Amino acid sequence: MPDLTTYDTVKQAILKYTRLKDNAITHALSSACSGLVSATLGTPADVMKTRMMNQPYVNGRGLHYHSTLDCLVKTVKSEGFWALYKGFLPIWSRMAPWSLTFWLVYEELRVLAGLGNF
């Protein structure tokens, strides 16, 4: 959901406050911001998921964390808040090209279908 919201908000702001037109440059800038926000909001969840999945298990129970919330609290207490953003650059480098491709293709398909830009 942050993808759509950020893309639309940034695109409307670019069109309103700059001289840029509704074209591929505006779409690329909006999609870059969209990918950044998505990575920023999603990285902590990815970190927790990875830690939960990689912990050793005995009889189906994790040895380090009992729940995702427990993992979050223990991670922040032992490593600090920024530990939630370990791996941010690889996540963003994965999301940025996807976001760029998706939004550029989406906008072009809307124009080809006669629906106009988003």
Protein backbone atom coordinates (compact mmCIF):
# COMPACT_ATOMS: atom_id res chain seq x y z
CA MET A 1 0.00 0.00 0.00
CA PRO A 2 2.80 2.51 0.57
CA ASP A 3 3.72 1.98 -3.09
CA LEU A 4 0.46 3.37 -4.44
CA THR A 5 0.07 6.13 -1.89
CA THR A 6 3.62 7.41 -2.26
CA TYR A 7 3.61 7.17 -6.03
CA ASP A 8 0.39 9.15 -6.36
CA THR A 9 1.32 11.76 -3.73
CA VAL A 10 4.78 12.39 -5.17
CA LYS A 11 3.51 12.47 -8.74
CA GLN A 12 0.81 15.02 -7.88
CA ALA A 13 3.35 17.14 -5.95
CA ILE A 14 5.79 17.07 -8.88
CA LEU A 15 3.07 18.13 -11.29
CA LYS A 16 1.82 20.87 -8.97
CA TYR A 17 5.10 22.37 -7.74
CA THR A 18 7.48 21.90 -10.70
CA ARG A 19 7.42 22.56 -14.40
CA LEU A 20 7.65 18.87 -15.21
CA LYS A 21 4.85 17.41 -17.29
CA ASP A 22 3.08 14.05 -16.83
CA ASN A 23 5.70 11.99 -18.65
CA ALA A 24 8.29 9.27 -18.10
CA ILE A 25 10.59 11.53 -16.06
CA THR A 26 7.80 12.36 -13.61
CA HIS A 27 6.84 8.68 -13.46
CA ALA A 28 10.45 7.63 -12.84
CA LEU A 29 10.92 10.16 -10.02
CA SER A 30 7.62 9.15 -8.43
CA SER A 31 8.45 5.46 -8.68
CA ALA A 32 11.91 6.00 -7.14
CA CYS A 33 10.28 7.67 -4.14
CA SER A 34 7.69 4.92 -4.00
CA GLY A 35 10.40 2.23 -3.90
CA LEU A 36 12.32 4.12 -1.20
CA VAL A 37 9.29 4.45 1.06
CA SER A 38 8.32 0.81 0.53
CA ALA A 39 11.83 -0.34 1.40
CA THR A 40 11.92 1.92 4.46
CA LEU A 41 8.62 0.60 5.77
CA GLY A 42 9.23 -3.02 4.79
CA THR A 43 12.81 -3.60 5.91
CA PRO A 44 12.05 -4.05 9.64
CA ALA A 45 9.48 -6.74 8.79
CA ASP A 46 12.00 -8.48 6.52
CA VAL A 47 14.62 -8.40 9.28
CA MET A 48 12.20 -9.91 11.81
CA LYS A 49 11.05 -12.57 9.33
CA THR A 50 14.63 -13.54 8.50
CA ARG A 51 15.62 -13.78 12.16
CA MET A 52 12.56 -15.86 13.00
CA MET A 53 13.19 -18.22 10.10
CA ASN A 54 16.94 -18.58 10.71
CA GLN A 55 16.81 -19.27 14.44
CA PRO A 56 17.40 -22.86 15.57
CA TYR A 57 14.30 -24.87 16.45
CA VAL A 58 13.85 -27.74 18.90
CA ASN A 59 10.56 -29.64 18.86
CA GLY A 60 9.02 -26.95 16.67
CA ARG A 61 9.84 -24.10 19.06
CA GLY A 62 12.35 -21.35 18.37
CA LEU A 63 15.28 -21.15 20.75
CA HIS A 64 15.84 -17.38 20.48
CA TYR A 65 12.43 -15.81 19.85
CA HIS A 66 8.91 -16.85 20.83
CA SER A 67 7.09 -14.44 18.51
CA THR A 68 7.75 -11.67 16.03
CA LEU A 69 7.11 -9.08 18.73
CA ASP A 70 9.60 -10.85 21.00
CA CYS A 71 12.12 -10.80 18.16
CA LEU A 72 11.51 -7.08 17.61
CA VAL A 73 11.94 -6.18 21.28
CA LYS A 74 15.06 -8.33 21.75
CA THR A 75 16.66 -7.00 18.57
CA VAL A 76 16.13 -3.35 19.50
CA LYS A 77 17.28 -3.92 23.11
CA SER A 78 20.42 -5.82 22.19
CA GLU A 79 21.46 -4.13 18.92
CA GLY A 80 19.61 -0.81 18.82
CA PHE A 81 16.92 0.60 16.57
CA TRP A 82 19.07 0.66 13.44
CA ALA A 83 19.44 -3.12 13.56
CA LEU A 84 15.93 -3.17 12.09
CA TYR A 85 17.43 -1.73 8.90
CA LYS A 86 20.18 -4.27 8.34
CA GLY A 87 20.06 -5.15 4.69
CA PHE A 88 18.25 -1.96 3.67
CA LEU A 89 20.41 -1.31 0.60
CA PRO A 90 19.92 -4.79 -0.91
CA ILE A 91 16.19 -4.55 -0.25
CA TRP A 92 15.98 -1.12 -1.86
CA SER A 93 18.15 -2.20 -4.79
CA ARG A 94 15.68 -5.04 -5.33
CA MET A 95 12.57 -2.87 -4.95
CA ALA A 96 13.71 0.19 -6.92
CA PRO A 97 13.97 -1.51 -10.34
CA TRP A 98 10.70 -3.35 -9.76
CA SER A 99 8.91 -0.14 -8.78
CA LEU A 100 10.37 1.76 -11.73
CA THR A 101 9.40 -0.96 -14.20
CA PHE A 102 5.93 -1.44 -12.74
CA TRP A 103 4.91 2.22 -12.70
CA LEU A 104 6.37 3.09 -16.10
CA VAL A 105 4.64 0.10 -17.72
CA TYR A 106 1.40 0.75 -15.81
CA GLU A 107 1.23 4.38 -16.93
CA GLU A 108 2.00 3.45 -20.54
CA LEU A 109 -0.61 0.69 -20.58
CA ARG A 110 -3.23 3.13 -19.26
CA VAL A 111 -2.42 5.53 -22.09
CA LEU A 112 -2.52 2.74 -24.70
CA ALA A 113 -5.88 1.57 -23.33
CA GLY A 114 -7.24 5.11 -23.66
CA LEU A 115 -7.61 5.61 -19.90
CA GLY A 116 -5.08 8.44 -19.59
CA ASN A 117 -2.40 8.70 -16.97
CA PHE A 118 -2.94 7.63 -13.38
